[in-house]
Amino acid sequence: MSYENFYKSQACGKAFTIAIENAGYPGGKERESINFPWCGAENDTEVTSGIKTTHKVPAEGGASE
């Protein structure tokens, strides 16, 4: 099982997604940082035992800057 959430940077407003893939480990949920993929700053935290990945969401027109 996996799910994906959309976020916006608290600093500059650029969009990104975070996908969390259930690793299937019992217990072990910890609060983990959600790092902004554009600059690496911590944007939020999530309690999970899964594997998380973040992805940039390109601006309108396909530009990623």
N, C-alpha and C. Protein backbone atom coordinates (compact mmCIF):
# COMPACT_ATOMS: atom_id res chain seq x y z
N MET A 1 0.84 -1.18 0.00
CA MET A 1 0.00 0.00 0.00
C MET A 1 0.89 1.24 0.00
N SER A 2 0.52 2.22 -0.79
CA SER A 2 1.24 3.49 -0.77
C SER A 2 0.22 4.61 -0.96
N TYR A 3 0.60 5.79 -0.56
CA TYR A 3 -0.26 6.94 -0.80
C TYR A 3 0.62 8.15 -1.06
N GLU A 4 0.02 9.16 -1.67
CA GLU A 4 0.78 10.34 -2.06
C GLU A 4 0.02 11.59 -1.61
N ASN A 5 0.71 12.52 -1.00
CA ASN A 5 0.12 13.78 -0.57
C ASN A 5 0.84 14.93 -1.25
N PHE A 6 0.10 16.00 -1.51
CA PHE A 6 0.68 17.19 -2.13
C PHE A 6 0.91 18.24 -1.05
N TYR A 7 2.05 18.91 -1.13
CA TYR A 7 2.43 19.95 -0.19
C TYR A 7 2.92 21.17 -0.95
N LYS A 8 2.95 22.31 -0.27
CA LYS A 8 3.61 23.51 -0.79
C LYS A 8 4.64 23.92 0.23
N SER A 9 5.78 24.39 -0.25
CA SER A 9 6.83 24.86 0.64
C SER A 9 6.32 26.02 1.48
N GLN A 10 6.65 25.98 2.76
CA GLN A 10 6.27 27.09 3.64
C GLN A 10 7.12 28.32 3.35
N ALA A 11 8.29 28.12 2.76
CA ALA A 11 9.21 29.23 2.49
C ALA A 11 8.90 29.96 1.19
N CYS A 12 8.73 29.19 0.08
CA CYS A 12 8.59 29.86 -1.22
C CYS A 12 7.31 29.50 -1.97
N GLY A 13 6.54 28.54 -1.48
CA GLY A 13 5.27 28.20 -2.11
C GLY A 13 5.35 27.22 -3.27
N LYS A 14 6.56 26.71 -3.60
CA LYS A 14 6.67 25.72 -4.67
C LYS A 14 6.04 24.40 -4.21
N ALA A 15 5.45 23.68 -5.16
CA ALA A 15 4.74 22.44 -4.85
C ALA A 15 5.65 21.22 -4.93
N PHE A 16 5.32 20.23 -4.10
CA PHE A 16 5.98 18.94 -4.17
C PHE A 16 5.04 17.88 -3.63
N THR A 17 5.36 16.63 -3.91
CA THR A 17 4.56 15.52 -3.39
C THR A 17 5.44 14.67 -2.48
N ILE A 18 4.77 13.96 -1.60
CA ILE A 18 5.46 12.94 -0.80
C ILE A 18 4.67 11.66 -0.94
N ALA A 19 5.38 10.59 -1.29
CA ALA A 19 4.78 9.26 -1.40
C ALA A 19 5.34 8.42 -0.27
N ILE A 20 4.46 7.69 0.42
CA ILE A 20 4.90 6.81 1.50
C ILE A 20 4.49 5.39 1.14
N GLU A 21 5.49 4.56 1.00
CA GLU A 21 5.30 3.15 0.68
C GLU A 21 5.33 2.37 1.98
N ASN A 22 4.27 1.61 2.25
CA ASN A 22 4.20 0.82 3.47
C ASN A 22 5.28 -0.25 3.42
N ALA A 23 6.19 -0.20 4.39
CA ALA A 23 7.28 -1.17 4.44
C ALA A 23 6.86 -2.47 5.10
N GLY A 24 5.69 -2.51 5.72
CA GLY A 24 5.18 -3.73 6.32
C GLY A 24 5.81 -4.12 7.63
N TYR A 25 6.52 -3.19 8.28
CA TYR A 25 7.13 -3.49 9.57
C TYR A 25 6.13 -3.24 10.69
N PRO A 26 5.97 -4.16 11.61
CA PRO A 26 5.07 -3.91 12.73
C PRO A 26 5.69 -2.89 13.69
N GLY A 27 4.85 -1.99 14.21
CA GLY A 27 5.35 -0.98 15.15
C GLY A 27 6.39 -0.10 14.50
N GLY A 28 7.23 0.50 15.31
CA GLY A 28 8.36 1.26 14.79
C GLY A 28 8.02 2.58 14.14
N LYS A 29 6.79 3.06 14.31
CA LYS A 29 6.46 4.36 13.71
C LYS A 29 7.22 5.46 14.43
N GLU A 30 7.84 6.29 13.64
CA GLU A 30 8.61 7.41 14.18
C GLU A 30 8.25 8.68 13.43
N ARG A 31 8.47 9.81 14.09
CA ARG A 31 8.25 11.11 13.43
C ARG A 31 9.47 11.38 12.56
N GLU A 32 9.23 11.53 11.27
CA GLU A 32 10.31 11.76 10.32
C GLU A 32 10.10 13.08 9.60
N SER A 33 11.19 13.72 9.28
CA SER A 33 11.14 15.01 8.56
C SER A 33 10.68 14.80 7.13
N ILE A 34 9.94 15.76 6.63
CA ILE A 34 9.62 15.83 5.22
C ILE A 34 10.46 16.97 4.67
N ASN A 35 11.49 16.62 3.93
CA ASN A 35 12.41 17.64 3.40
C ASN A 35 11.97 18.09 2.02
N PHE A 36 11.98 19.38 1.85
CA PHE A 36 11.57 20.02 0.61
C PHE A 36 12.54 19.64 -0.50
N PRO A 37 12.08 19.02 -1.59
CA PRO A 37 13.00 18.55 -2.62
C PRO A 37 13.68 19.66 -3.42
N TRP A 38 13.18 20.88 -3.36
CA TRP A 38 13.80 21.96 -4.11
C TRP A 38 15.08 22.45 -3.43
N CYS A 39 15.08 22.53 -2.08
CA CYS A 39 16.26 23.07 -1.40
C CYS A 39 16.71 22.22 -0.21
N GLY A 40 15.93 21.21 0.19
CA GLY A 40 16.31 20.32 1.28
C GLY A 40 15.87 20.78 2.66
N ALA A 41 15.24 21.95 2.77
CA ALA A 41 14.78 22.44 4.07
C ALA A 41 13.66 21.56 4.60
N GLU A 42 13.59 21.44 5.93
CA GLU A 42 12.50 20.67 6.52
C GLU A 42 11.20 21.45 6.36
N ASN A 43 10.18 20.81 5.80
CA ASN A 43 8.91 21.47 5.54
C ASN A 43 7.83 21.05 6.54
N ASP A 44 7.91 19.83 7.02
CA ASP A 44 6.89 19.29 7.92
C ASP A 44 7.43 17.98 8.47
N THR A 45 6.62 17.28 9.26
CA THR A 45 6.98 15.95 9.73
C THR A 45 5.79 15.01 9.54
N GLU A 46 6.06 13.72 9.52
CA GLU A 46 5.03 12.70 9.33
C GLU A 46 5.41 11.52 10.23
N VAL A 47 4.41 10.94 10.90
CA VAL A 47 4.65 9.75 11.70
C VAL A 47 4.40 8.54 10.81
N THR A 48 5.45 7.74 10.58
CA THR A 48 5.33 6.61 9.66
C THR A 48 6.40 5.57 9.93
N SER A 49 6.13 4.35 9.54
CA SER A 49 7.17 3.31 9.53
C SER A 49 7.47 2.94 8.08
N GLY A 50 6.87 3.68 7.14
CA GLY A 50 7.07 3.41 5.72
C GLY A 50 8.28 4.11 5.15
N ILE A 51 8.46 3.90 3.86
CA ILE A 51 9.56 4.52 3.13
C ILE A 51 8.98 5.73 2.39
N LYS A 52 9.55 6.91 2.64
CA LYS A 52 8.99 8.12 2.03
C LYS A 52 9.94 8.68 0.98
N THR A 53 9.34 9.19 -0.08
CA THR A 53 10.11 9.87 -1.12
C THR A 53 9.37 11.15 -1.49
N THR A 54 10.13 12.20 -1.79
CA THR A 54 9.54 13.46 -2.22
C THR A 54 9.89 13.70 -3.68
N HIS A 55 8.99 14.40 -4.37
CA HIS A 55 9.18 14.69 -5.79
C HIS A 55 8.77 16.12 -6.07
N LYS A 56 9.56 16.80 -6.88
CA LYS A 56 9.23 18.16 -7.30
C LYS A 56 8.00 18.13 -8.21
N VAL A 57 7.14 19.14 -8.07
CA VAL A 57 6.01 19.31 -8.98
C VAL A 57 6.37 20.51 -9.84
N PRO A 58 6.56 20.28 -11.15
CA PRO A 58 6.95 21.39 -12.04
C PRO A 58 5.90 22.50 -12.04
N ALA A 59 6.37 23.72 -12.25
CA ALA A 59 5.49 24.86 -12.39
C ALA A 59 4.67 24.71 -13.67
N GLU A 60 3.66 25.52 -13.80
CA GLU A 60 2.85 25.48 -15.02
C GLU A 60 3.74 25.65 -16.23
N GLY A 61 3.46 24.89 -17.26
CA GLY A 61 4.26 24.96 -18.48
C GLY A 61 5.45 24.01 -18.46
N GLY A 62 5.59 23.23 -17.37
CA GLY A 62 6.63 22.23 -17.30
C GLY A 62 7.96 22.72 -16.75
N ALA A 63 8.06 23.99 -16.41
CA ALA A 63 9.33 24.50 -15.86
C ALA A 63 9.52 24.02 -14.43
N SER A 64 10.73 23.63 -14.08
CA SER A 64 10.98 23.16 -12.72
C SER A 64 11.80 24.14 -11.90
N GLU A 65 11.90 25.35 -12.33
CA GLU A 65 12.65 26.37 -11.60
C GLU A 65 11.68 27.36 -10.99
